[in-house]
Amino acid sequence: MEPGVDSIVNTVLSKVGSGDIILMHNNAPDTPEALKTIIPELKKKGFQIVPLSDLVYKDNYYIESYSGRQVSNDN
């Protein structure tokens, strides 16, 4: 599926919220061009671009296979 640059940009910017992780497929032909708009716009809105590894709890947590949620081993 190749929705086009404008569609990708509009979809991401209209749906993104605090704490969201945006998945961009690196083999999609329009991704690099869309990111040229998306990243500056997100930064203007106060979002930070960080590696996924910064968002994943590393100690005393596991990830549920069915939901992808991080859950404390203490629960």
N, C-alpha and C. Protein backbone atom coordinates (compact mmCIF):
# COMPACT_ATOMS: atom_id res chain seq x y z
N MET A 1 0.85 -1.18 0.00
CA MET A 1 0.00 0.00 0.00
C MET A 1 0.89 1.24 0.00
N GLU A 2 0.66 2.12 -0.92
CA GLU A 2 1.43 3.35 -1.01
C GLU A 2 0.46 4.54 -0.99
N PRO A 3 0.14 5.05 0.21
CA PRO A 3 -0.86 6.11 0.31
C PRO A 3 -0.39 7.48 -0.17
N GLY A 4 0.92 7.68 -0.27
CA GLY A 4 1.45 8.97 -0.69
C GLY A 4 1.92 9.80 0.49
N VAL A 5 2.81 10.73 0.20
CA VAL A 5 3.43 11.56 1.24
C VAL A 5 2.39 12.35 2.03
N ASP A 6 1.52 13.05 1.34
CA ASP A 6 0.52 13.89 2.03
C ASP A 6 -0.37 13.08 2.96
N SER A 7 -0.77 11.91 2.51
CA SER A 7 -1.62 11.06 3.34
C SER A 7 -0.88 10.59 4.60
N ILE A 8 0.37 10.21 4.45
CA ILE A 8 1.17 9.78 5.61
C ILE A 8 1.31 10.93 6.60
N VAL A 9 1.70 12.08 6.10
CA VAL A 9 1.89 13.26 6.96
C VAL A 9 0.59 13.60 7.69
N ASN A 10 -0.50 13.67 6.96
CA ASN A 10 -1.79 14.03 7.57
C ASN A 10 -2.24 13.01 8.60
N THR A 11 -2.07 11.74 8.31
CA THR A 11 -2.47 10.69 9.23
C THR A 11 -1.69 10.78 10.54
N VAL A 12 -0.37 10.90 10.43
CA VAL A 12 0.47 10.95 11.63
C VAL A 12 0.16 12.20 12.44
N LEU A 13 0.17 13.35 11.81
CA LEU A 13 0.01 14.60 12.55
C LEU A 13 -1.39 14.77 13.12
N SER A 14 -2.40 14.15 12.53
CA SER A 14 -3.76 14.29 13.05
C SER A 14 -4.06 13.31 14.18
N LYS A 15 -3.25 12.25 14.31
CA LYS A 15 -3.55 11.23 15.31
C LYS A 15 -2.56 11.15 16.45
N VAL A 16 -1.41 11.78 16.33
CA VAL A 16 -0.36 11.63 17.34
C VAL A 16 -0.76 12.30 18.65
N GLY A 17 -0.40 11.62 19.74
CA GLY A 17 -0.68 12.16 21.06
C GLY A 17 0.48 11.87 22.00
N SER A 18 0.42 12.42 23.16
CA SER A 18 1.48 12.25 24.16
C SER A 18 1.72 10.77 24.45
N GLY A 19 2.97 10.37 24.40
CA GLY A 19 3.34 9.00 24.70
C GLY A 19 3.21 8.03 23.54
N ASP A 20 2.74 8.51 22.41
CA ASP A 20 2.58 7.62 21.26
C ASP A 20 3.92 7.20 20.67
N ILE A 21 3.94 6.01 20.13
CA ILE A 21 5.06 5.51 19.35
C ILE A 21 4.60 5.44 17.91
N ILE A 22 5.31 6.10 17.03
CA ILE A 22 4.94 6.13 15.62
C ILE A 22 5.78 5.11 14.88
N LEU A 23 5.14 4.15 14.26
CA LEU A 23 5.83 3.14 13.48
C LEU A 23 5.83 3.58 12.03
N MET A 24 7.03 3.71 11.47
CA MET A 24 7.18 4.05 10.06
C MET A 24 7.91 2.89 9.38
N HIS A 25 7.35 2.36 8.33
CA HIS A 25 7.98 1.25 7.61
C HIS A 25 9.12 1.78 6.74
N ASN A 26 10.31 1.30 7.00
CA ASN A 26 11.47 1.84 6.29
C ASN A 26 11.58 1.37 4.84
N ASN A 27 10.76 0.44 4.43
CA ASN A 27 10.80 0.01 3.04
C ASN A 27 9.69 0.64 2.19
N ALA A 28 8.91 1.53 2.80
CA ALA A 28 7.85 2.22 2.05
C ALA A 28 8.49 3.39 1.29
N PRO A 29 8.19 3.53 0.02
CA PRO A 29 8.88 4.54 -0.79
C PRO A 29 8.65 5.99 -0.36
N ASP A 30 7.52 6.28 0.27
CA ASP A 30 7.21 7.67 0.64
C ASP A 30 7.64 8.04 2.06
N THR A 31 8.12 7.08 2.83
CA THR A 31 8.49 7.34 4.22
C THR A 31 9.56 8.43 4.36
N PRO A 32 10.68 8.36 3.65
CA PRO A 32 11.71 9.39 3.84
C PRO A 32 11.20 10.81 3.57
N GLU A 33 10.43 10.96 2.52
CA GLU A 33 9.89 12.29 2.19
C GLU A 33 8.88 12.75 3.24
N ALA A 34 8.05 11.85 3.72
CA ALA A 34 7.07 12.20 4.74
C ALA A 34 7.76 12.63 6.03
N LEU A 35 8.83 11.95 6.39
CA LEU A 35 9.54 12.29 7.63
C LEU A 35 10.16 13.67 7.59
N LYS A 36 10.47 14.16 6.41
CA LYS A 36 11.02 15.53 6.27
C LYS A 36 10.02 16.58 6.75
N THR A 37 8.75 16.27 6.70
CA THR A 37 7.71 17.16 7.21
C THR A 37 7.30 16.78 8.62
N ILE A 38 7.14 15.50 8.88
CA ILE A 38 6.62 15.03 10.16
C ILE A 38 7.54 15.41 11.33
N ILE A 39 8.82 15.16 11.21
CA ILE A 39 9.74 15.40 12.33
C ILE A 39 9.78 16.87 12.74
N PRO A 40 9.97 17.80 11.81
CA PRO A 40 9.95 19.22 12.24
C PRO A 40 8.61 19.65 12.85
N GLU A 41 7.51 19.14 12.31
CA GLU A 41 6.19 19.51 12.84
C GLU A 41 6.00 18.97 14.26
N LEU A 42 6.43 17.75 14.50
CA LEU A 42 6.31 17.19 15.84
C LEU A 42 7.18 17.97 16.83
N LYS A 43 8.37 18.33 16.42
CA LYS A 43 9.25 19.11 17.30
C LYS A 43 8.65 20.48 17.60
N LYS A 44 8.01 21.10 16.61
CA LYS A 44 7.35 22.40 16.83
C LYS A 44 6.23 22.28 17.87
N LYS A 45 5.58 21.12 17.89
CA LYS A 45 4.49 20.88 18.84
C LYS A 45 4.99 20.40 20.20
N GLY A 46 6.32 20.33 20.36
CA GLY A 46 6.88 19.98 21.66
C GLY A 46 7.19 18.51 21.85
N PHE A 47 7.01 17.70 20.83
CA PHE A 47 7.33 16.28 20.94
C PHE A 47 8.84 16.08 20.85
N GLN A 48 9.31 15.01 21.46
CA GLN A 48 10.72 14.64 21.37
C GLN A 48 10.84 13.37 20.54
N ILE A 49 11.88 13.30 19.76
CA ILE A 49 12.17 12.10 18.98
C ILE A 49 13.24 11.33 19.75
N VAL A 50 12.89 10.13 20.19
CA VAL A 50 13.83 9.32 20.99
C VAL A 50 13.84 7.89 20.45
N PRO A 51 14.93 7.16 20.69
CA PRO A 51 14.96 5.76 20.29
C PRO A 51 13.95 4.94 21.09
N LEU A 52 13.40 3.94 20.48
CA LEU A 52 12.44 3.07 21.16
C LEU A 52 13.04 2.49 22.43
N SER A 53 14.32 2.21 22.42
CA SER A 53 14.98 1.63 23.59
C SER A 53 14.87 2.54 24.82
N ASP A 54 14.71 3.85 24.61
CA ASP A 54 14.55 4.78 25.73
C ASP A 54 13.16 4.67 26.37
N LEU A 55 12.23 4.08 25.67
CA LEU A 55 10.84 4.01 26.15
C LEU A 55 10.49 2.67 26.80
N VAL A 56 11.34 1.70 26.63
CA VAL A 56 11.06 0.36 27.13
C VAL A 56 11.69 0.18 28.50
N TYR A 57 10.87 -0.22 29.46
CA TYR A 57 11.41 -0.51 30.79
C TYR A 57 12.29 -1.75 30.70
N LYS A 58 13.44 -1.69 31.33
CA LYS A 58 14.38 -2.79 31.20
C LYS A 58 14.42 -3.70 32.42
N ASP A 59 14.19 -3.16 33.59
CA ASP A 59 14.32 -3.94 34.82
C ASP A 59 12.96 -4.25 35.42
N ASN A 60 12.76 -5.52 35.76
CA ASN A 60 11.60 -5.96 36.49
C ASN A 60 10.28 -5.79 35.71
N TYR A 61 10.34 -5.84 34.38
CA TYR A 61 9.14 -5.75 33.54
C TYR A 61 9.19 -6.82 32.47
N TYR A 62 8.03 -7.18 31.96
CA TYR A 62 7.96 -8.03 30.78
C TYR A 62 6.92 -7.44 29.84
N ILE A 63 6.95 -7.86 28.60
CA ILE A 63 5.99 -7.36 27.62
C ILE A 63 4.99 -8.46 27.31
N GLU A 64 3.70 -8.15 27.48
CA GLU A 64 2.64 -9.11 27.18
C GLU A 64 2.62 -9.36 25.67
N SER A 65 2.61 -10.62 25.29
CA SER A 65 2.65 -10.94 23.87
C SER A 65 1.36 -10.56 23.15
N TYR A 66 0.23 -10.62 23.83
CA TYR A 66 -1.05 -10.36 23.17
C TYR A 66 -1.40 -8.88 23.07
N SER A 67 -0.85 -8.05 23.98
CA SER A 67 -1.20 -6.62 23.94
C SER A 67 -0.03 -5.70 23.65
N GLY A 68 1.19 -6.21 23.85
CA GLY A 68 2.38 -5.38 23.67
C GLY A 68 2.63 -4.44 24.84
N ARG A 69 1.84 -4.55 25.90
CA ARG A 69 1.99 -3.68 27.06
C ARG A 69 3.13 -4.14 27.94
N GLN A 70 3.80 -3.18 28.58
CA GLN A 70 4.83 -3.49 29.56
C GLN A 70 4.17 -3.65 30.92
N VAL A 71 4.49 -4.75 31.61
CA VAL A 71 3.86 -5.06 32.88
C VAL A 71 4.95 -5.32 33.89
N SER A 72 4.78 -4.78 35.08
CA SER A 72 5.73 -4.99 36.16
C SER A 72 5.68 -6.43 36.64
N ASN A 73 6.84 -7.00 36.91
CA ASN A 73 6.89 -8.34 37.49
C ASN A 73 6.35 -8.35 38.91
N ASP A 74 6.16 -7.19 39.52
CA ASP A 74 5.66 -7.09 40.89
C ASP A 74 4.15 -7.29 40.98
N ASN A 75 3.47 -7.27 39.84
CA ASN A 75 2.00 -7.44 39.85
C ASN A 75 1.59 -8.87 39.95
